[in-house]
Amino acid sequence: IPDASWYGKPCKHRFFLCLRRLFVFYLTKLQAIFIIKPEAERMWNMNFFRKLERKFGKYAIPNLMYYIVGLYIVGLAVHLVNPMIYYMYLSLDAGAVLHGQVWRLITFIFVPYSSRNIFLFAITLYFYYFIGTALEREWGSNKFTIFYLFGVVLNILLGFLLALLAVFLLIRFALLRPWLTR
């Protein structure tokens, strides 16, 4: 774990110190996996990806960004027809997923954030396509698919964690100030 200072700025609070240390620690681990380093440093990473490619290589999705951009366009069409469909049936809602609406684990990904402005949406899609295809050319379909799915899984876990945190904060508030919750 890195030292107490982060980019030369000392931490004043213990909580922020722990957050900064964890952030830098895990960021360096992610960089070690997904960024090209000298051969001695990346040997473990390449062995890890070789094992994954041997085991799950047949499930790699070539030209993944074509499918993602296409699903973003479908998501925009659904959003333009009726914006409430996203909130009622497609968004990541932890309570709804726990009650059996498991399709929300996938569908929340394909609804664009910048759907109000069509020009901004087109620029965003071009950016996704440009960056995604460049990464896929550099890394290969297998590694890019793993990278994208890793991001999706982290997104889902953070969504559930934030929902759980919101419930804990609400309970804590109700216990501390019961006269305000009546």
C-alpha atoms as a PDB file:
ATOM      1  CA  ILE A   1       0.000   0.000   0.000  1.00  0.00           C
ATOM      2  CA  PRO A   2       1.395   3.448  -0.899  1.00  0.00           C
ATOM      3  CA  ASP A   3       2.669   5.930   1.657  1.00  0.00           C
ATOM      4  CA  ALA A   4       0.549   8.495   3.528  1.00  0.00           C
ATOM      5  CA  SER A   5       0.833  11.220   0.936  1.00  0.00           C
ATOM      6  CA  TRP A   6      -0.919  11.104  -2.387  1.00  0.00           C
ATOM      7  CA  TYR A   7       0.726  13.241  -5.055  1.00  0.00           C
ATOM      8  CA  GLY A   8       2.563  15.099  -2.298  1.00  0.00           C
ATOM      9  CA  LYS A   9      -0.560  16.174  -0.394  1.00  0.00           C
ATOM     10  CA  PRO A  10      -0.682  14.887   3.194  1.00  0.00           C
ATOM     11  CA  CYS A  11      -4.007  13.568   4.453  1.00  0.00           C
ATOM     12  CA  LYS A  12      -5.678  15.388   7.332  1.00  0.00           C
ATOM     13  CA  HIS A  13      -8.314  12.822   8.193  1.00  0.00           C
ATOM     14  CA  ARG A  14      -7.835   9.121   8.801  1.00  0.00           C
ATOM     15  CA  PHE A  15     -10.886   8.183   6.703  1.00  0.00           C
ATOM     16  CA  PHE A  16      -9.604  10.027   3.635  1.00  0.00           C
ATOM     17  CA  LEU A  17      -6.161   8.555   4.216  1.00  0.00           C
ATOM     18  CA  CYS A  18      -7.595   5.038   4.022  1.00  0.00           C
ATOM     19  CA  LEU A  19      -9.654   5.916   0.938  1.00  0.00           C
ATOM     20  CA  ARG A  20      -6.653   7.407  -0.824  1.00  0.00           C
ATOM     21  CA  ARG A  21      -4.468   4.432   0.018  1.00  0.00           C
ATOM     22  CA  LEU A  22      -7.075   1.973  -1.225  1.00  0.00           C
ATOM     23  CA  PHE A  23      -7.669   3.997  -4.374  1.00  0.00           C
ATOM     24  CA  VAL A  24      -3.984   4.162  -5.254  1.00  0.00           C
ATOM     25  CA  PHE A  25      -3.436   0.498  -4.341  1.00  0.00           C
ATOM     26  CA  TYR A  26      -6.280  -0.816  -6.508  1.00  0.00           C
ATOM     27  CA  LEU A  27      -5.538   1.624  -9.302  1.00  0.00           C
ATOM     28  CA  THR A  28      -2.003   0.276  -9.530  1.00  0.00           C
ATOM     29  CA  LYS A  29      -3.366  -3.280  -9.586  1.00  0.00           C
ATOM     30  CA  LEU A  30      -5.742  -2.408 -12.441  1.00  0.00           C
ATOM     31  CA  GLN A  31      -2.924  -0.702 -14.320  1.00  0.00           C
ATOM     32  CA  ALA A  32      -0.801  -3.794 -13.854  1.00  0.00           C
ATOM     33  CA  ILE A  33      -3.512  -5.909 -15.467  1.00  0.00           C
ATOM     34  CA  PHE A  34      -4.642  -3.700 -18.341  1.00  0.00           C
ATOM     35  CA  ILE A  35      -1.660  -1.503 -19.229  1.00  0.00           C
ATOM     36  CA  ILE A  36       1.358  -2.820 -21.091  1.00  0.00           C
ATOM     37  CA  LYS A  37       4.444  -2.947 -18.878  1.00  0.00           C
ATOM     38  CA  PRO A  38       7.935  -4.381 -19.302  1.00  0.00           C
ATOM     39  CA  GLU A  39       8.071  -8.143 -19.750  1.00  0.00           C
ATOM     40  CA  ALA A  40       9.289  -8.924 -16.230  1.00  0.00           C
ATOM     41  CA  GLU A  41       6.437  -6.974 -14.641  1.00  0.00           C
ATOM     42  CA  ARG A  42       3.628  -8.280 -16.838  1.00  0.00           C
ATOM     43  CA  MET A  43       4.499 -11.978 -16.867  1.00  0.00           C
ATOM     44  CA  TRP A  44       1.837 -12.842 -14.265  1.00  0.00           C
ATOM     45  CA  ASN A  45      -0.744 -10.774 -16.127  1.00  0.00           C
ATOM     46  CA  MET A  46      -0.050 -12.476 -19.429  1.00  0.00           C
ATOM     47  CA  ASN A  47      -0.230 -15.917 -17.826  1.00  0.00           C
ATOM     48  CA  PHE A  48      -3.535 -14.937 -16.240  1.00  0.00           C
ATOM     49  CA  PHE A  49      -4.967 -13.793 -19.577  1.00  0.00           C
ATOM     50  CA  ARG A  50      -3.574 -16.815 -21.397  1.00  0.00           C
ATOM     51  CA  LYS A  51      -5.372 -19.093 -18.957  1.00  0.00           C
ATOM     52  CA  LEU A  52      -8.575 -17.098 -19.387  1.00  0.00           C
ATOM     53  CA  GLU A  53      -8.215 -17.189 -23.154  1.00  0.00           C
ATOM     54  CA  ARG A  54      -7.712 -20.945 -23.170  1.00  0.00           C
ATOM     55  CA  LYS A  55     -10.680 -21.476 -20.895  1.00  0.00           C
ATOM     56  CA  PHE A  56     -13.132 -18.829 -22.147  1.00  0.00           C
ATOM     57  CA  GLY A  57     -11.636 -17.780 -25.489  1.00  0.00           C
ATOM     58  CA  LYS A  58     -14.532 -19.272 -27.424  1.00  0.00           C
ATOM     59  CA  TYR A  59     -16.878 -16.832 -25.633  1.00  0.00           C
ATOM     60  CA  ALA A  60     -14.959 -13.689 -26.665  1.00  0.00           C
ATOM     61  CA  ILE A  61     -17.128 -11.289 -28.648  1.00  0.00           C
ATOM     62  CA  PRO A  62     -15.352  -9.956 -31.737  1.00  0.00           C
ATOM     63  CA  ASN A  63     -16.340  -6.404 -32.728  1.00  0.00           C
ATOM     64  CA  LEU A  64     -18.018  -5.879 -29.372  1.00  0.00           C
ATOM     65  CA  MET A  65     -18.307  -2.117 -29.876  1.00  0.00           C
ATOM     66  CA  TYR A  66     -20.588  -2.592 -32.898  1.00  0.00           C
ATOM     67  CA  TYR A  67     -23.062  -4.408 -30.681  1.00  0.00           C
ATOM     68  CA  ILE A  68     -22.735  -1.899 -27.846  1.00  0.00           C
ATOM     69  CA  VAL A  69     -23.279   1.090 -30.125  1.00  0.00           C
ATOM     70  CA  GLY A  70     -26.256  -0.662 -31.737  1.00  0.00           C
ATOM     71  CA  LEU A  71     -27.807  -1.351 -28.349  1.00  0.00           C
ATOM     72  CA  TYR A  72     -27.231   2.283 -27.349  1.00  0.00           C
ATOM     73  CA  ILE A  73     -29.178   3.353 -30.446  1.00  0.00           C
ATOM     74  CA  VAL A  74     -32.008   0.961 -29.534  1.00  0.00           C
ATOM     75  CA  GLY A  75     -31.927   2.376 -25.992  1.00  0.00           C
ATOM     76  CA  LEU A  76     -32.196   5.910 -27.370  1.00  0.00           C
ATOM     77  CA  ALA A  77     -35.180   4.902 -29.529  1.00  0.00           C
ATOM     78  CA  VAL A  78     -36.920   3.407 -26.489  1.00  0.00           C
ATOM     79  CA  HIS A  79     -36.107   6.523 -24.465  1.00  0.00           C
ATOM     80  CA  LEU A  80     -37.471   8.824 -27.173  1.00  0.00           C
ATOM     81  CA  VAL A  81     -40.720   6.831 -27.457  1.00  0.00           C
ATOM     82  CA  ASN A  82     -41.387   6.813 -23.714  1.00  0.00           C
ATOM     83  CA  PRO A  83     -38.773   8.017 -21.196  1.00  0.00           C
ATOM     84  CA  MET A  84     -40.547   6.356 -18.276  1.00  0.00           C
ATOM     85  CA  ILE A  85     -39.928   2.872 -19.705  1.00  0.00           C
ATOM     86  CA  TYR A  86     -36.309   3.170 -18.591  1.00  0.00           C
ATOM     87  CA  TYR A  87     -37.206   4.035 -15.012  1.00  0.00           C
ATOM     88  CA  MET A  88     -40.004   1.490 -14.744  1.00  0.00           C
ATOM     89  CA  TYR A  89     -38.416  -1.525 -16.462  1.00  0.00           C
ATOM     90  CA  LEU A  90     -34.769  -1.040 -17.471  1.00  0.00           C
ATOM     91  CA  SER A  91     -32.856   0.873 -14.780  1.00  0.00           C
ATOM     92  CA  LEU A  92     -30.686  -0.826 -12.175  1.00  0.00           C
ATOM     93  CA  ASP A  93     -32.970  -1.002  -9.154  1.00  0.00           C
ATOM     94  CA  ALA A  94     -31.621  -3.264  -6.420  1.00  0.00           C
ATOM     95  CA  GLY A  95     -35.061  -3.872  -4.906  1.00  0.00           C
ATOM     96  CA  ALA A  96     -36.575  -4.851  -8.240  1.00  0.00           C
ATOM     97  CA  VAL A  97     -33.648  -7.175  -9.032  1.00  0.00           C
ATOM     98  CA  LEU A  98     -34.035  -8.882  -5.671  1.00  0.00           C
ATOM     99  CA  HIS A  99     -37.740  -9.362  -6.436  1.00  0.00           C
ATOM    100  CA  GLY A 100     -36.989 -11.273  -9.635  1.00  0.00           C
ATOM    101  CA  GLN A 101     -36.462  -8.651 -12.363  1.00  0.00           C
ATOM    102  CA  VAL A 102     -32.996  -9.933 -13.232  1.00  0.00           C
ATOM    103  CA  TRP A 103     -32.994  -8.422 -16.741  1.00  0.00           C
ATOM    104  CA  ARG A 104     -32.221  -5.080 -15.077  1.00  0.00           C
ATOM    105  CA  LEU A 105     -28.672  -6.340 -14.451  1.00  0.00           C
ATOM    106  CA  ILE A 106     -28.016  -6.039 -18.195  1.00  0.00           C
ATOM    107  CA  THR A 107     -30.505  -3.514 -19.600  1.00  0.00           C
ATOM    108  CA  PHE A 108     -29.339  -0.535 -17.550  1.00  0.00           C
ATOM    109  CA  ILE A 109     -26.065  -0.557 -19.470  1.00  0.00           C
ATOM    110  CA  PHE A 110     -27.589   0.147 -22.866  1.00  0.00           C
ATOM    111  CA  VAL A 111     -29.580   3.281 -22.102  1.00  0.00           C
ATOM    112  CA  PRO A 112     -27.495   6.343 -22.968  1.00  0.00           C
ATOM    113  CA  TYR A 113     -26.881   9.063 -20.422  1.00  0.00           C
ATOM    114  CA  SER A 114     -26.905  11.901 -22.940  1.00  0.00           C
ATOM    115  CA  SER A 115     -30.207  11.090 -24.605  1.00  0.00           C
ATOM    116  CA  ARG A 116     -31.705  14.587 -24.362  1.00  0.00           C
ATOM    117  CA  ASN A 117     -29.387  16.103 -26.941  1.00  0.00           C
ATOM    118  CA  ILE A 118     -29.110  14.046 -30.135  1.00  0.00           C
ATOM    119  CA  PHE A 119     -25.909  15.821 -31.229  1.00  0.00           C
ATOM    120  CA  LEU A 120     -24.209  15.067 -27.909  1.00  0.00           C
ATOM    121  CA  PHE A 121     -25.477  11.497 -28.146  1.00  0.00           C
ATOM    122  CA  ALA A 122     -23.904  11.105 -31.601  1.00  0.00           C
ATOM    123  CA  ILE A 123     -20.574  12.477 -30.338  1.00  0.00           C
ATOM    124  CA  THR A 124     -20.690  10.132 -27.338  1.00  0.00           C
ATOM    125  CA  LEU A 125     -21.385   7.120 -29.541  1.00  0.00           C
ATOM    126  CA  TYR A 126     -18.567   8.048 -31.910  1.00  0.00           C
ATOM    127  CA  PHE A 127     -16.223   8.396 -28.932  1.00  0.00           C
ATOM    128  CA  TYR A 128     -17.271   4.991 -27.536  1.00  0.00           C
ATOM    129  CA  TYR A 129     -16.836   3.389 -30.948  1.00  0.00           C
ATOM    130  CA  PHE A 130     -13.472   5.041 -31.610  1.00  0.00           C
ATOM    131  CA  ILE A 131     -11.964   4.203 -28.212  1.00  0.00           C
ATOM    132  CA  GLY A 132     -13.506   0.725 -28.022  1.00  0.00           C
ATOM    133  CA  THR A 133     -12.345  -0.406 -31.453  1.00  0.00           C
ATOM    134  CA  ALA A 134      -8.851   0.971 -30.815  1.00  0.00           C
ATOM    135  CA  LEU A 135      -8.626  -0.950 -27.544  1.00  0.00           C
ATOM    136  CA  GLU A 136      -9.968  -4.094 -29.161  1.00  0.00           C
ATOM    137  CA  ARG A 137      -7.404  -3.851 -31.983  1.00  0.00           C
ATOM    138  CA  GLU A 138      -4.603  -3.360 -29.469  1.00  0.00           C
ATOM    139  CA  TRP A 139      -5.638  -5.953 -26.875  1.00  0.00           C
ATOM    140  CA  GLY A 140      -7.619  -8.438 -28.933  1.00  0.00           C
ATOM    141  CA  SER A 141     -11.243  -9.493 -28.612  1.00  0.00           C
ATOM    142  CA  ASN A 142     -10.727 -11.712 -25.595  1.00  0.00           C
ATOM    143  CA  LYS A 143      -8.965  -9.162 -23.398  1.00  0.00           C
ATOM    144  CA  PHE A 144     -11.328  -6.348 -24.433  1.00  0.00           C
ATOM    145  CA  THR A 145     -14.391  -8.484 -23.682  1.00  0.00           C
ATOM    146  CA  ILE A 146     -12.968  -9.302 -20.245  1.00  0.00           C
ATOM    147  CA  PHE A 147     -12.234  -5.612 -19.651  1.00  0.00           C
ATOM    148  CA  TYR A 148     -15.758  -4.551 -20.634  1.00  0.00           C
ATOM    149  CA  LEU A 149     -17.447  -7.287 -18.602  1.00  0.00           C
ATOM    150  CA  PHE A 150     -15.227  -6.442 -15.617  1.00  0.00           C
ATOM    151  CA  GLY A 151     -16.474  -2.850 -15.852  1.00  0.00           C
ATOM    152  CA  VAL A 152     -20.101  -4.009 -16.061  1.00  0.00           C
ATOM    153  CA  VAL A 153     -19.735  -6.264 -13.016  1.00  0.00           C
ATOM    154  CA  LEU A 154     -18.099  -3.442 -11.029  1.00  0.00           C
ATOM    155  CA  ASN A 155     -20.939  -1.136 -12.068  1.00  0.00           C
ATOM    156  CA  ILE A 156     -23.521  -3.626 -10.807  1.00  0.00           C
ATOM    157  CA  LEU A 157     -21.685  -4.213  -7.525  1.00  0.00           C
ATOM    158  CA  LEU A 158     -21.329  -0.489  -6.874  1.00  0.00           C
ATOM    159  CA  GLY A 159     -25.017   0.026  -7.670  1.00  0.00           C
ATOM    160  CA  PHE A 160     -26.004  -2.563  -5.093  1.00  0.00           C
ATOM    161  CA  LEU A 161     -23.493  -1.230  -2.578  1.00  0.00           C
ATOM    162  CA  LEU A 162     -24.832   2.314  -2.914  1.00  0.00           C
ATOM    163  CA  ALA A 163     -28.411   1.075  -2.542  1.00  0.00           C
ATOM    164  CA  LEU A 164     -27.405  -0.774   0.622  1.00  0.00           C
ATOM    165  CA  LEU A 165     -25.579   2.300   1.890  1.00  0.00           C
ATOM    166  CA  ALA A 166     -28.685   4.423   1.292  1.00  0.00           C
ATOM    167  CA  VAL A 167     -30.791   1.994   3.339  1.00  0.00           C
ATOM    168  CA  PHE A 168     -28.249   2.021   6.181  1.00  0.00           C
ATOM    169  CA  LEU A 169     -28.158   5.822   6.167  1.00  0.00           C
ATOM    170  CA  LEU A 170     -31.956   5.981   6.269  1.00  0.00           C
ATOM    171  CA  ILE A 171     -32.105   3.557   9.199  1.00  0.00           C
ATOM    172  CA  ARG A 172     -29.364   5.453  11.008  1.00  0.00           C
ATOM    173  CA  PHE A 173     -31.213   8.734  10.503  1.00  0.00           C
ATOM    174  CA  ALA A 174     -34.474   7.196  11.756  1.00  0.00           C
ATOM    175  CA  LEU A 175     -32.725   5.860  14.868  1.00  0.00           C
ATOM    176  CA  LEU A 176     -30.965   9.125  15.653  1.00  0.00           C
ATOM    177  CA  ARG A 177     -33.922  11.443  15.023  1.00  0.00           C
ATOM    178  CA  PRO A 178     -37.167   9.486  15.370  1.00  0.00           C
ATOM    179  CA  TRP A 179     -39.233  12.642  15.851  1.00  0.00           C
ATOM    180  CA  LEU A 180     -38.408  13.730  12.280  1.00  0.00           C
ATOM    181  CA  THR A 181     -39.537  10.457  10.667  1.00  0.00           C
ATOM    182  CA  ARG A 182     -43.170  10.565  11.832  1.00  0.00           C
END
